[in-house]
Amino acid sequence: MTDKQWELLALLLPSSDGLRGRKFQNSRLVVEGMLYRLRTGLPWRDLPAHFGPWKTVWKRHRRYAGDGTWDRVLIALAAMADAGGDLDWAVPVDSTVVRVHQHGANAARTSSG
């Protein structure tokens, strides 16, 4: 994450002021650990040590997901990108058919009409 990206994201993330327990330490490294884990798909326990304790990264991710922080961040970033003309709202649509259930092909068919 670039310094500019972090400056923007840091404004949108909550601080630990007023919360019980330890103050958040090195939030940038923790968030980068979350992003690394989401990008790679590896288990939390296999997170590289340079991101800090895996449990810290997991707890913060869980907190942000549970209290709606990530939803608010996504909405704010999308609104900023849209206001700046950096967001393209074109959505590609195709006519691909996907079966809902693996046994859907063997279901009894009835004709209506």
PDB file of N, CA and C in Angstrom:
ATOM      1  N   MET A   1       0.848  -1.163   0.000  1.00  0.00           N
ATOM      2  CA  MET A   1       0.000   0.000   0.000  1.00  0.00           C
ATOM      3  C   MET A   1       0.901   1.235   0.000  1.00  0.00           C
ATOM      4  N   THR A   2       0.582   2.170  -0.864  1.00  0.00           N
ATOM      5  CA  THR A   2       1.403   3.373  -0.937  1.00  0.00           C
ATOM      6  C   THR A   2       1.091   4.293   0.246  1.00  0.00           C
ATOM      7  N   ASP A   3       1.970   5.256   0.472  1.00  0.00           N
ATOM      8  CA  ASP A   3       1.746   6.217   1.553  1.00  0.00           C
ATOM      9  C   ASP A   3       0.465   7.014   1.321  1.00  0.00           C
ATOM     10  N   LYS A   4       0.213   7.388   0.078  1.00  0.00           N
ATOM     11  CA  LYS A   4      -0.985   8.156  -0.244  1.00  0.00           C
ATOM     12  C   LYS A   4      -2.249   7.337   0.025  1.00  0.00           C
ATOM     13  N   GLN A   5      -2.226   6.052  -0.359  1.00  0.00           N
ATOM     14  CA  GLN A   5      -3.370   5.180  -0.101  1.00  0.00           C
ATOM     15  C   GLN A   5      -3.601   5.025   1.402  1.00  0.00           C
ATOM     16  N   TRP A   6      -2.513   4.870   2.153  1.00  0.00           N
ATOM     17  CA  TRP A   6      -2.644   4.700   3.597  1.00  0.00           C
ATOM     18  C   TRP A   6      -3.195   5.970   4.256  1.00  0.00           C
ATOM     19  N   GLU A   7      -2.738   7.133   3.816  1.00  0.00           N
ATOM     20  CA  GLU A   7      -3.237   8.381   4.395  1.00  0.00           C
ATOM     21  C   GLU A   7      -4.746   8.491   4.244  1.00  0.00           C
ATOM     22  N   LEU A   8      -5.253   8.113   3.100  1.00  0.00           N
ATOM     23  CA  LEU A   8      -6.688   8.143   2.859  1.00  0.00           C
ATOM     24  C   LEU A   8      -7.414   7.105   3.711  1.00  0.00           C
ATOM     25  N   LEU A   9      -6.887   5.891   3.736  1.00  0.00           N
ATOM     26  CA  LEU A   9      -7.527   4.818   4.494  1.00  0.00           C
ATOM     27  C   LEU A   9      -7.491   5.096   5.993  1.00  0.00           C
ATOM     28  N   ALA A  10      -6.394   5.657   6.486  1.00  0.00           N
ATOM     29  CA  ALA A  10      -6.257   5.933   7.913  1.00  0.00           C
ATOM     30  C   ALA A  10      -7.329   6.908   8.394  1.00  0.00           C
ATOM     31  N   LEU A  11      -7.744   7.819   7.520  1.00  0.00           N
ATOM     32  CA  LEU A  11      -8.803   8.767   7.892  1.00  0.00           C
ATOM     33  C   LEU A  11     -10.152   8.074   8.057  1.00  0.00           C
ATOM     34  N   LEU A  12     -10.338   6.958   7.385  1.00  0.00           N
ATOM     35  CA  LEU A  12     -11.618   6.258   7.400  1.00  0.00           C
ATOM     36  C   LEU A  12     -11.709   5.179   8.481  1.00  0.00           C
ATOM     37  N   LEU A  13     -10.574   4.771   9.018  1.00  0.00           N
ATOM     38  CA  LEU A  13     -10.567   3.706  10.024  1.00  0.00           C
ATOM     39  C   LEU A  13     -10.750   4.282  11.425  1.00  0.00           C
ATOM     40  N   PRO A  14     -11.425   3.540  12.307  1.00  0.00           N
ATOM     41  CA  PRO A  14     -11.619   4.028  13.679  1.00  0.00           C
ATOM     42  C   PRO A  14     -10.315   3.959  14.469  1.00  0.00           C
ATOM     43  N   SER A  15     -10.223   4.806  15.469  1.00  0.00           N
ATOM     44  CA  SER A  15      -9.064   4.748  16.358  1.00  0.00           C
ATOM     45  C   SER A  15      -9.448   3.932  17.586  1.00  0.00           C
ATOM     46  N   SER A  16      -8.474   3.635  18.397  1.00  0.00           N
ATOM     47  CA  SER A  16      -8.742   2.855  19.607  1.00  0.00           C
ATOM     48  C   SER A  16      -9.038   3.763  20.796  1.00  0.00           C
ATOM     49  N   ASP A  17      -9.095   5.063  20.583  1.00  0.00           N
ATOM     50  CA  ASP A  17      -9.405   5.987  21.676  1.00  0.00           C
ATOM     51  C   ASP A  17     -10.784   5.687  22.238  1.00  0.00           C
ATOM     52  N   GLY A  18     -10.863   5.598  23.546  1.00  0.00           N
ATOM     53  CA  GLY A  18     -12.136   5.333  24.200  1.00  0.00           C
ATOM     54  C   GLY A  18     -12.489   3.864  24.311  1.00  0.00           C
ATOM     55  N   LEU A  19     -11.667   2.985  23.719  1.00  0.00           N
ATOM     56  CA  LEU A  19     -11.924   1.548  23.811  1.00  0.00           C
ATOM     57  C   LEU A  19     -11.130   0.946  24.964  1.00  0.00           C
ATOM     58  N   ARG A  20     -11.686  -0.093  25.556  1.00  0.00           N
ATOM     59  CA  ARG A  20     -10.963  -0.799  26.614  1.00  0.00           C
ATOM     60  C   ARG A  20      -9.826  -1.593  26.013  1.00  0.00           C
ATOM     61  N   GLY A  21      -8.820  -1.853  26.801  1.00  0.00           N
ATOM     62  CA  GLY A  21      -7.695  -2.666  26.348  1.00  0.00           C
ATOM     63  C   GLY A  21      -6.569  -1.824  25.789  1.00  0.00           C
ATOM     64  N   ARG A  22      -5.662  -2.483  25.123  1.00  0.00           N
ATOM     65  CA  ARG A  22      -4.496  -1.805  24.559  1.00  0.00           C
ATOM     66  C   ARG A  22      -4.886  -0.903  23.395  1.00  0.00           C
ATOM     67  N   LYS A  23      -4.104   0.131  23.212  1.00  0.00           N
ATOM     68  CA  LYS A  23      -4.297   1.011  22.068  1.00  0.00           C
ATOM     69  C   LYS A  23      -3.816   0.297  20.816  1.00  0.00           C
ATOM     70  N   PHE A  24      -4.443   0.588  19.672  1.00  0.00           N
ATOM     71  CA  PHE A  24      -4.020  -0.017  18.417  1.00  0.00           C
ATOM     72  C   PHE A  24      -2.586   0.394  18.125  1.00  0.00           C
ATOM     73  N   GLN A  25      -1.759  -0.566  17.848  1.00  0.00           N
ATOM     74  CA  GLN A  25      -0.374  -0.306  17.487  1.00  0.00           C
ATOM     75  C   GLN A  25      -0.179  -0.603  16.015  1.00  0.00           C
ATOM     76  N   ASN A  26       0.488   0.269  15.316  1.00  0.00           N
ATOM     77  CA  ASN A  26       0.857   0.090  13.914  1.00  0.00           C
ATOM     78  C   ASN A  26      -0.304  -0.425  13.062  1.00  0.00           C
ATOM     79  N   SER A  27      -1.330   0.369  12.982  1.00  0.00           N
ATOM     80  CA  SER A  27      -2.527  -0.031  12.231  1.00  0.00           C
ATOM     81  C   SER A  27      -2.217  -0.304  10.764  1.00  0.00           C
ATOM     82  N   ARG A  28      -1.274   0.432  10.197  1.00  0.00           N
ATOM     83  CA  ARG A  28      -0.956   0.222   8.781  1.00  0.00           C
ATOM     84  C   ARG A  28      -0.457  -1.195   8.541  1.00  0.00           C
ATOM     85  N   LEU A  29       0.418  -1.670   9.408  1.00  0.00           N
ATOM     86  CA  LEU A  29       0.961  -3.013   9.244  1.00  0.00           C
ATOM     87  C   LEU A  29      -0.136  -4.070   9.413  1.00  0.00           C
ATOM     88  N   VAL A  30      -1.035  -3.838  10.336  1.00  0.00           N
ATOM     89  CA  VAL A  30      -2.139  -4.775  10.559  1.00  0.00           C
ATOM     90  C   VAL A  30      -3.055  -4.817   9.336  1.00  0.00           C
ATOM     91  N   VAL A  31      -3.389  -3.645   8.789  1.00  0.00           N
ATOM     92  CA  VAL A  31      -4.247  -3.599   7.605  1.00  0.00           C
ATOM     93  C   VAL A  31      -3.540  -4.238   6.409  1.00  0.00           C
ATOM     94  N   GLU A  32      -2.247  -3.995   6.269  1.00  0.00           N
ATOM     95  CA  GLU A  32      -1.504  -4.634   5.183  1.00  0.00           C
ATOM     96  C   GLU A  32      -1.483  -6.152   5.363  1.00  0.00           C
ATOM     97  N   GLY A  33      -1.445  -6.616   6.604  1.00  0.00           N
ATOM     98  CA  GLY A  33      -1.545  -8.049   6.871  1.00  0.00           C
ATOM     99  C   GLY A  33      -2.888  -8.604   6.448  1.00  0.00           C
ATOM    100  N   MET A  34      -3.962  -7.846   6.702  1.00  0.00           N
ATOM    101  CA  MET A  34      -5.299  -8.268   6.272  1.00  0.00           C
ATOM    102  C   MET A  34      -5.364  -8.359   4.753  1.00  0.00           C
ATOM    103  N   LEU A  35      -4.858  -7.346   4.084  1.00  0.00           N
ATOM    104  CA  LEU A  35      -4.892  -7.329   2.622  1.00  0.00           C
ATOM    105  C   LEU A  35      -4.057  -8.459   2.035  1.00  0.00           C
ATOM    106  N   TYR A  36      -2.906  -8.724   2.640  1.00  0.00           N
ATOM    107  CA  TYR A  36      -2.046  -9.816   2.174  1.00  0.00           C
ATOM    108  C   TYR A  36      -2.782 -11.145   2.296  1.00  0.00           C
ATOM    109  N   ARG A  37      -3.421 -11.357   3.433  1.00  0.00           N
ATOM    110  CA  ARG A  37      -4.146 -12.608   3.661  1.00  0.00           C
ATOM    111  C   ARG A  37      -5.303 -12.754   2.672  1.00  0.00           C
ATOM    112  N   LEU A  38      -6.034 -11.668   2.421  1.00  0.00           N
ATOM    113  CA  LEU A  38      -7.155 -11.730   1.483  1.00  0.00           C
ATOM    114  C   LEU A  38      -6.678 -11.951   0.049  1.00  0.00           C
ATOM    115  N   ARG A  39      -5.524 -11.385  -0.290  1.00  0.00           N
ATOM    116  CA  ARG A  39      -4.974 -11.548  -1.642  1.00  0.00           C
ATOM    117  C   ARG A  39      -4.470 -12.965  -1.879  1.00  0.00           C
ATOM    118  N   THR A  40      -3.842 -13.549  -0.867  1.00  0.00           N
ATOM    119  CA  THR A  40      -3.223 -14.863  -1.037  1.00  0.00           C
ATOM    120  C   THR A  40      -4.145 -16.018  -0.675  1.00  0.00           C
ATOM    121  N   GLY A  41      -5.110 -15.782   0.210  1.00  0.00           N
ATOM    122  CA  GLY A  41      -6.019 -16.843   0.624  1.00  0.00           C
ATOM    123  C   GLY A  41      -5.428 -17.807   1.641  1.00  0.00           C
ATOM    124  N   LEU A  42      -4.288 -17.466   2.201  1.00  0.00           N
ATOM    125  CA  LEU A  42      -3.681 -18.381   3.163  1.00  0.00           C
ATOM    126  C   LEU A  42      -4.394 -18.318   4.505  1.00  0.00           C
ATOM    127  N   PRO A  43      -4.249 -19.356   5.319  1.00  0.00           N
ATOM    128  CA  PRO A  43      -4.873 -19.345   6.644  1.00  0.00           C
ATOM    129  C   PRO A  43      -4.265 -18.239   7.512  1.00  0.00           C
ATOM    130  N   TRP A  44      -5.069 -17.713   8.443  1.00  0.00           N
ATOM    131  CA  TRP A  44      -4.581 -16.641   9.310  1.00  0.00           C
ATOM    132  C   TRP A  44      -3.291 -17.041  10.018  1.00  0.00           C
ATOM    133  N   ARG A  45      -3.217 -18.267  10.493  1.00  0.00           N
ATOM    134  CA  ARG A  45      -2.034 -18.711  11.253  1.00  0.00           C
ATOM    135  C   ARG A  45      -0.757 -18.743  10.416  1.00  0.00           C
ATOM    136  N   ASP A  46      -0.898 -18.742   9.094  1.00  0.00           N
ATOM    137  CA  ASP A  46       0.271 -18.770   8.218  1.00  0.00           C
ATOM    138  C   ASP A  46       0.686 -17.381   7.749  1.00  0.00           C
ATOM    139  N   LEU A  47       0.098 -16.349   8.318  1.00  0.00           N
ATOM    140  CA  LEU A  47       0.449 -14.976   7.955  1.00  0.00           C
ATOM    141  C   LEU A  47       1.921 -14.728   8.300  1.00  0.00           C
ATOM    142  N   PRO A  48       2.705 -14.158   7.376  1.00  0.00           N
ATOM    143  CA  PRO A  48       4.118 -13.901   7.668  1.00  0.00           C
ATOM    144  C   PRO A  48       4.296 -13.061   8.930  1.00  0.00           C
ATOM    145  N   ALA A  49       5.323 -13.361   9.679  1.00  0.00           N
ATOM    146  CA  ALA A  49       5.563 -12.745  10.983  1.00  0.00           C
ATOM    147  C   ALA A  49       5.787 -11.234  10.906  1.00  0.00           C
ATOM    148  N   HIS A  50       6.246 -10.726   9.766  1.00  0.00           N
ATOM    149  CA  HIS A  50       6.527  -9.290   9.711  1.00  0.00           C
ATOM    150  C   HIS A  50       5.254  -8.434   9.774  1.00  0.00           C
ATOM    151  N   PHE A  51       4.067  -9.048   9.674  1.00  0.00           N
ATOM    152  CA  PHE A  51       2.820  -8.315   9.854  1.00  0.00           C
ATOM    153  C   PHE A  51       2.414  -8.248  11.320  1.00  0.00           C
ATOM    154  N   GLY A  52       3.173  -8.874  12.174  1.00  0.00           N
ATOM    155  CA  GLY A  52       2.838  -8.928  13.590  1.00  0.00           C
ATOM    156  C   GLY A  52       2.150 -10.244  13.905  1.00  0.00           C
ATOM    157  N   PRO A  53       1.700 -10.387  15.142  1.00  0.00           N
ATOM    158  CA  PRO A  53       1.017 -11.633  15.517  1.00  0.00           C
ATOM    159  C   PRO A  53      -0.244 -11.842  14.681  1.00  0.00           C
ATOM    160  N   TRP A  54      -0.394 -13.045  14.146  1.00  0.00           N
ATOM    161  CA  TRP A  54      -1.535 -13.330  13.287  1.00  0.00           C
ATOM    162  C   TRP A  54      -2.844 -13.080  14.007  1.00  0.00           C
ATOM    163  N   LYS A  55      -2.872 -13.363  15.315  1.00  0.00           N
ATOM    164  CA  LYS A  55      -4.109 -13.221  16.070  1.00  0.00           C
ATOM    165  C   LYS A  55      -4.529 -11.749  16.178  1.00  0.00           C
ATOM    166  N   THR A  56      -3.566 -10.849  16.236  1.00  0.00           N
ATOM    167  CA  THR A  56      -3.867  -9.415  16.260  1.00  0.00           C
ATOM    168  C   THR A  56      -4.522  -8.998  14.951  1.00  0.00           C
ATOM    169  N   VAL A  57      -3.959  -9.449  13.841  1.00  0.00           N
ATOM    170  CA  VAL A  57      -4.501  -9.108  12.524  1.00  0.00           C
ATOM    171  C   VAL A  57      -5.899  -9.703  12.380  1.00  0.00           C
ATOM    172  N   TRP A  58      -6.070 -10.941  12.805  1.00  0.00           N
ATOM    173  CA  TRP A  58      -7.370 -11.594  12.723  1.00  0.00           C
ATOM    174  C   TRP A  58      -8.410 -10.880  13.582  1.00  0.00           C
ATOM    175  N   LYS A  59      -8.048 -10.529  14.811  1.00  0.00           N
ATOM    176  CA  LYS A  59      -8.998  -9.860  15.710  1.00  0.00           C
ATOM    177  C   LYS A  59      -9.443  -8.513  15.148  1.00  0.00           C
ATOM    178  N   ARG A  60      -8.495  -7.754  14.614  1.00  0.00           N
ATOM    179  CA  ARG A  60      -8.846  -6.441  14.073  1.00  0.00           C
ATOM    180  C   ARG A  60      -9.743  -6.604  12.841  1.00  0.00           C
ATOM    181  N   HIS A  61      -9.415  -7.586  12.000  1.00  0.00           N
ATOM    182  CA  HIS A  61     -10.261  -7.846  10.817  1.00  0.00           C
ATOM    183  C   HIS A  61     -11.667  -8.232  11.257  1.00  0.00           C
ATOM    184  N   ARG A  62     -11.748  -9.091  12.231  1.00  0.00           N
ATOM    185  CA  ARG A  62     -13.045  -9.538  12.747  1.00  0.00           C
ATOM    186  C   ARG A  62     -13.833  -8.367  13.333  1.00  0.00           C
ATOM    187  N   ARG A  63     -13.142  -7.499  14.065  1.00  0.00           N
ATOM    188  CA  ARG A  63     -13.799  -6.333  14.655  1.00  0.00           C
ATOM    189  C   ARG A  63     -14.334  -5.412  13.559  1.00  0.00           C
ATOM    190  N   TYR A  64     -13.490  -5.108  12.563  1.00  0.00           N
ATOM    191  CA  TYR A  64     -13.897  -4.206  11.488  1.00  0.00           C
ATOM    192  C   TYR A  64     -15.031  -4.793  10.660  1.00  0.00           C
ATOM    193  N   ALA A  65     -15.016  -6.097  10.435  1.00  0.00           N
ATOM    194  CA  ALA A  65     -16.086  -6.745   9.676  1.00  0.00           C
ATOM    195  C   ALA A  65     -17.378  -6.760  10.488  1.00  0.00           C
ATOM    196  N   GLY A  66     -17.266  -7.004  11.782  1.00  0.00           N
ATOM    197  CA  GLY A  66     -18.446  -7.114  12.640  1.00  0.00           C
ATOM    198  C   GLY A  66     -19.129  -5.794  12.934  1.00  0.00           C
ATOM    199  N   ASP A  67     -18.343  -4.728  13.089  1.00  0.00           N
ATOM    200  CA  ASP A  67     -18.954  -3.442  13.453  1.00  0.00           C
ATOM    201  C   ASP A  67     -19.293  -2.568  12.242  1.00  0.00           C
ATOM    202  N   GLY A  68     -19.074  -3.102  11.030  1.00  0.00           N
ATOM    203  CA  GLY A  68     -19.441  -2.369   9.823  1.00  0.00           C
ATOM    204  C   GLY A  68     -18.382  -1.416   9.307  1.00  0.00           C
ATOM    205  N   THR A  69     -17.184  -1.447   9.888  1.00  0.00           N
ATOM    206  CA  THR A  69     -16.118  -0.540   9.453  1.00  0.00           C
ATOM    207  C   THR A  69     -15.774  -0.755   7.993  1.00  0.00           C
ATOM    208  N   TRP A  70     -15.605  -2.009   7.574  1.00  0.00           N
ATOM    209  CA  TRP A  70     -15.235  -2.254   6.175  1.00  0.00           C
ATOM    210  C   TRP A  70     -16.337  -1.806   5.235  1.00  0.00           C
ATOM    211  N   ASP A  71     -17.593  -1.963   5.623  1.00  0.00           N
ATOM    212  CA  ASP A  71     -18.700  -1.489   4.783  1.00  0.00           C
ATOM    213  C   ASP A  71     -18.640   0.026   4.617  1.00  0.00           C
ATOM    214  N   ARG A  72     -18.412   0.739   5.730  1.00  0.00           N
ATOM    215  CA  ARG A  72     -18.324   2.203   5.670  1.00  0.00           C
ATOM    216  C   ARG A  72     -17.131   2.653   4.842  1.00  0.00           C
ATOM    217  N   VAL A  73     -15.998   1.960   4.972  1.00  0.00           N
ATOM    218  CA  VAL A  73     -14.802   2.313   4.199  1.00  0.00           C
ATOM    219  C   VAL A  73     -15.070   2.118   2.708  1.00  0.00           C
ATOM    220  N   LEU A  74     -15.665   0.995   2.343  1.00  0.00           N
ATOM    221  CA  LEU A  74     -15.958   0.723   0.937  1.00  0.00           C
ATOM    222  C   LEU A  74     -16.914   1.766   0.352  1.00  0.00           C
ATOM    223  N   ILE A  75     -17.944   2.114   1.098  1.00  0.00           N
ATOM    224  CA  ILE A  75     -18.900   3.121   0.629  1.00  0.00           C
ATOM    225  C   ILE A  75     -18.211   4.475   0.460  1.00  0.00           C
ATOM    226  N   ALA A  76     -17.392   4.854   1.425  1.00  0.00           N
ATOM    227  CA  ALA A  76     -16.700   6.146   1.348  1.00  0.00           C
ATOM    228  C   ALA A  76     -15.724   6.181   0.181  1.00  0.00           C
ATOM    229  N   LEU A  77     -14.962   5.097  -0.019  1.00  0.00           N
ATOM    230  CA  LEU A  77     -14.005   5.060  -1.126  1.00  0.00           C
ATOM    231  C   LEU A  77     -14.714   5.078  -2.479  1.00  0.00           C
ATOM    232  N   ALA A  78     -15.834   4.356  -2.578  1.00  0.00           N
ATOM    233  CA  ALA A  78     -16.598   4.360  -3.829  1.00  0.00           C
ATOM    234  C   ALA A  78     -17.174   5.740  -4.106  1.00  0.00           C
ATOM    235  N   ALA A  79     -17.657   6.416  -3.063  1.00  0.00           N
ATOM    236  CA  ALA A  79     -18.214   7.762  -3.244  1.00  0.00           C
ATOM    237  C   ALA A  79     -17.131   8.741  -3.684  1.00  0.00           C
ATOM    238  N   MET A  80     -15.934   8.636  -3.086  1.00  0.00           N
ATOM    239  CA  MET A  80     -14.830   9.518  -3.480  1.00  0.00           C
ATOM    240  C   MET A  80     -14.388   9.251  -4.918  1.00  0.00           C
ATOM    241  N   ALA A  81     -14.321   7.979  -5.285  1.00  0.00           N
ATOM    242  CA  ALA A  81     -13.913   7.631  -6.645  1.00  0.00           C
ATOM    243  C   ALA A  81     -14.960   8.096  -7.656  1.00  0.00           C
ATOM    244  N   ASP A  82     -16.231   7.960  -7.304  1.00  0.00           N
ATOM    245  CA  ASP A  82     -17.300   8.391  -8.197  1.00  0.00           C
ATOM    246  C   ASP A  82     -17.279   9.908  -8.358  1.00  0.00           C
ATOM    247  N   ALA A  83     -17.095  10.619  -7.256  1.00  0.00           N
ATOM    248  CA  ALA A  83     -17.056  12.085  -7.308  1.00  0.00           C
ATOM    249  C   ALA A  83     -15.872  12.577  -8.134  1.00  0.00           C
ATOM    250  N   GLY A  84     -14.765  11.836  -8.083  1.00  0.00           N
ATOM    251  CA  GLY A  84     -13.586  12.218  -8.849  1.00  0.00           C
ATOM    252  C   GLY A  84     -13.606  11.732 -10.285  1.00  0.00           C
ATOM    253  N   GLY A  85     -14.662  11.025 -10.670  1.00  0.00           N
ATOM    254  CA  GLY A  85     -14.761  10.503 -12.030  1.00  0.00           C
ATOM    255  C   GLY A  85     -13.875   9.301 -12.281  1.00  0.00           C
ATOM    256  N   ASP A  86     -13.409   8.660 -11.214  1.00  0.00           N
ATOM    257  CA  ASP A  86     -12.515   7.508 -11.347  1.00  0.00           C
ATOM    258  C   ASP A  86     -13.236   6.173 -11.317  1.00  0.00           C
ATOM    259  N   LEU A  87     -14.557   6.198 -11.221  1.00  0.00           N
ATOM    260  CA  LEU A  87     -15.319   4.960 -11.104  1.00  0.00           C
ATOM    261  C   LEU A  87     -16.205   4.807 -12.338  1.00  0.00           C
ATOM    262  N   ASP A  88     -16.075   3.675 -12.989  1.00  0.00           N
ATOM    263  CA  ASP A  88     -16.874   3.387 -14.175  1.00  0.00           C
ATOM    264  C   ASP A  88     -18.003   2.451 -13.760  1.00  0.00           C
ATOM    265  N   TRP A  89     -19.227   2.905 -13.903  1.00  0.00           N
ATOM    266  CA  TRP A  89     -20.366   2.131 -13.450  1.00  0.00           C
ATOM    267  C   TRP A  89     -20.892   1.165 -14.505  1.00  0.00           C
ATOM    268  N   ALA A  90     -20.184   0.989 -15.601  1.00  0.00           N
ATOM    269  CA  ALA A  90     -20.607   0.023 -16.620  1.00  0.00           C
ATOM    270  C   ALA A  90     -20.448  -1.384 -16.061  1.00  0.00           C
ATOM    271  N   VAL A  91     -21.490  -2.169 -16.147  1.00  0.00           N
ATOM    272  CA  VAL A  91     -21.473  -3.528 -15.616  1.00  0.00           C
ATOM    273  C   VAL A  91     -21.654  -4.504 -16.766  1.00  0.00           C
ATOM    274  N   PRO A  92     -20.674  -5.371 -16.993  1.00  0.00           N
ATOM    275  CA  PRO A  92     -20.832  -6.344 -18.080  1.00  0.00           C
ATOM    276  C   PRO A  92     -21.832  -7.436 -17.676  1.00  0.00           C
ATOM    277  N   VAL A  93     -22.713  -7.772 -18.590  1.00  0.00           N
ATOM    278  CA  VAL A  93     -23.721  -8.795 -18.338  1.00  0.00           C
ATOM    279  C   VAL A  93     -23.678  -9.785 -19.490  1.00  0.00           C
ATOM    280  N   ASP A  94     -23.740 -11.069 -19.165  1.00  0.00           N
ATOM    281  CA  ASP A  94     -23.807 -12.070 -20.217  1.00  0.00           C
ATOM    282  C   ASP A  94     -24.987 -12.996 -19.945  1.00  0.00           C
ATOM    283  N   SER A  95     -25.181 -13.958 -20.794  1.00  0.00           N
ATOM    284  CA  SER A  95     -26.330 -14.849 -20.639  1.00  0.00           C
ATOM    285  C   SER A  95     -25.900 -16.244 -20.195  1.00  0.00           C
ATOM    286  N   THR A  96     -24.862 -16.311 -19.416  1.00  0.00           N
ATOM    287  CA  THR A  96     -24.379 -17.594 -18.927  1.00  0.00           C
ATOM    288  C   THR A  96     -25.431 -18.231 -18.020  1.00  0.00           C
ATOM    289  N   VAL A  97     -25.613 -19.536 -18.164  1.00  0.00           N
ATOM    290  CA  VAL A  97     -26.551 -20.267 -17.330  1.00  0.00           C
ATOM    291  C   VAL A  97     -25.744 -21.105 -16.347  1.00  0.00           C
ATOM    292  N   VAL A  98     -26.086 -20.996 -15.081  1.00  0.00           N
ATOM    293  CA  VAL A  98     -25.406 -21.756 -14.043  1.00  0.00           C
ATOM    294  C   VAL A  98     -26.458 -22.561 -13.290  1.00  0.00           C
ATOM    295  N   ARG A  99     -26.231 -23.857 -13.170  1.00  0.00           N
ATOM    296  CA  ARG A  99     -27.169 -24.693 -12.426  1.00  0.00           C
ATOM    297  C   ARG A  99     -27.077 -24.364 -10.946  1.00  0.00           C
ATOM    298  N   VAL A 100     -28.207 -24.356 -10.301  1.00  0.00           N
ATOM    299  CA  VAL A 100     -28.251 -24.044  -8.883  1.00  0.00           C
ATOM    300  C   VAL A 100     -27.794 -25.234  -8.049  1.00  0.00           C
ATOM    301  N   HIS A 101     -28.088 -26.432  -8.496  1.00  0.00           N
ATOM    302  CA  HIS A 101     -27.778 -27.634  -7.726  1.00  0.00           C
ATOM    303  C   HIS A 101     -27.233 -28.686  -8.677  1.00  0.00           C
ATOM    304  N   GLN A 102     -26.323 -29.503  -8.187  1.00  0.00           N
ATOM    305  CA  GLN A 102     -25.709 -30.496  -9.052  1.00  0.00           C
ATOM    306  C   GLN A 102     -26.697 -31.515  -9.594  1.00  0.00           C
ATOM    307  N   HIS A 103     -27.811 -31.735  -8.893  1.00  0.00           N
ATOM    308  CA  HIS A 103     -28.804 -32.708  -9.340  1.00  0.00           C
ATOM    309  C   HIS A 103     -29.948 -32.041 -10.122  1.00  0.00           C
ATOM    310  N   GLY A 104     -29.801 -30.780 -10.447  1.00  0.00           N
ATOM    311  CA  GLY A 104     -30.845 -30.057 -11.167  1.00  0.00           C
ATOM    312  C   GLY A 104     -31.136 -30.635 -12.530  1.00  0.00           C
ATOM    313  N   ALA A 105     -30.167 -31.294 -13.150  1.00  0.00           N
ATOM    314  CA  ALA A 105     -30.352 -31.856 -14.485  1.00  0.00           C
ATOM    315  C   ALA A 105     -31.323 -33.054 -14.445  1.00  0.00           C
ATOM    316  N   ASN A 106     -31.427 -33.694 -13.298  1.00  0.00           N
ATOM    317  CA  ASN A 106     -32.279 -34.897 -13.194  1.00  0.00           C
ATOM    318  C   ASN A 106     -33.642 -34.591 -12.596  1.00  0.00           C
ATOM    319  N   ALA A 107     -33.953 -33.354 -12.355  1.00  0.00           N
ATOM    320  CA  ALA A 107     -35.227 -33.011 -11.732  1.00  0.00           C
ATOM    321  C   ALA A 107     -36.367 -33.267 -12.725  1.00  0.00           C
ATOM    322  N   ALA A 108     -37.500 -33.631 -12.168  1.00  0.00           N
ATOM    323  CA  ALA A 108     -38.673 -33.857 -13.001  1.00  0.00           C
ATOM    324  C   ALA A 108     -39.107 -32.522 -13.603  1.00  0.00           C
ATOM    325  N   ARG A 109     -39.403 -32.551 -14.871  1.00  0.00           N
ATOM    326  CA  ARG A 109     -39.807 -31.325 -15.552  1.00  0.00           C
ATOM    327  C   ARG A 109     -41.302 -31.367 -15.831  1.00  0.00           C
ATOM    328  N   THR A 110     -41.929 -30.286 -15.607  1.00  0.00           N
ATOM    329  CA  THR A 110     -43.347 -30.164 -15.930  1.00  0.00           C
ATOM    330  C   THR A 110     -43.507 -29.015 -16.907  1.00  0.00           C
ATOM    331  N   SER A 111     -44.428 -29.204 -17.793  1.00  0.00           N
ATOM    332  CA  SER A 111     -44.670 -28.116 -18.759  1.00  0.00           C
ATOM    333  C   SER A 111     -45.838 -27.294 -18.249  1.00  0.00           C
ATOM    334  N   SER A 112     -45.669 -26.016 -18.305  1.00  0.00           N
ATOM    335  CA  SER A 112     -46.773 -25.142 -17.904  1.00  0.00           C
ATOM    336  C   SER A 112     -47.224 -24.380 -19.131  1.00  0.00           C
ATOM    337  N   GLY A 113     -48.484 -24.319 -19.331  1.00  0.00           N
ATOM    338  CA  GLY A 113     -48.913 -23.541 -20.459  1.00  0.00           C
ATOM    339  C   GLY A 113     -49.965 -24.166 -21.191  1.00  0.00           C
TER     340      GLY A 113
END
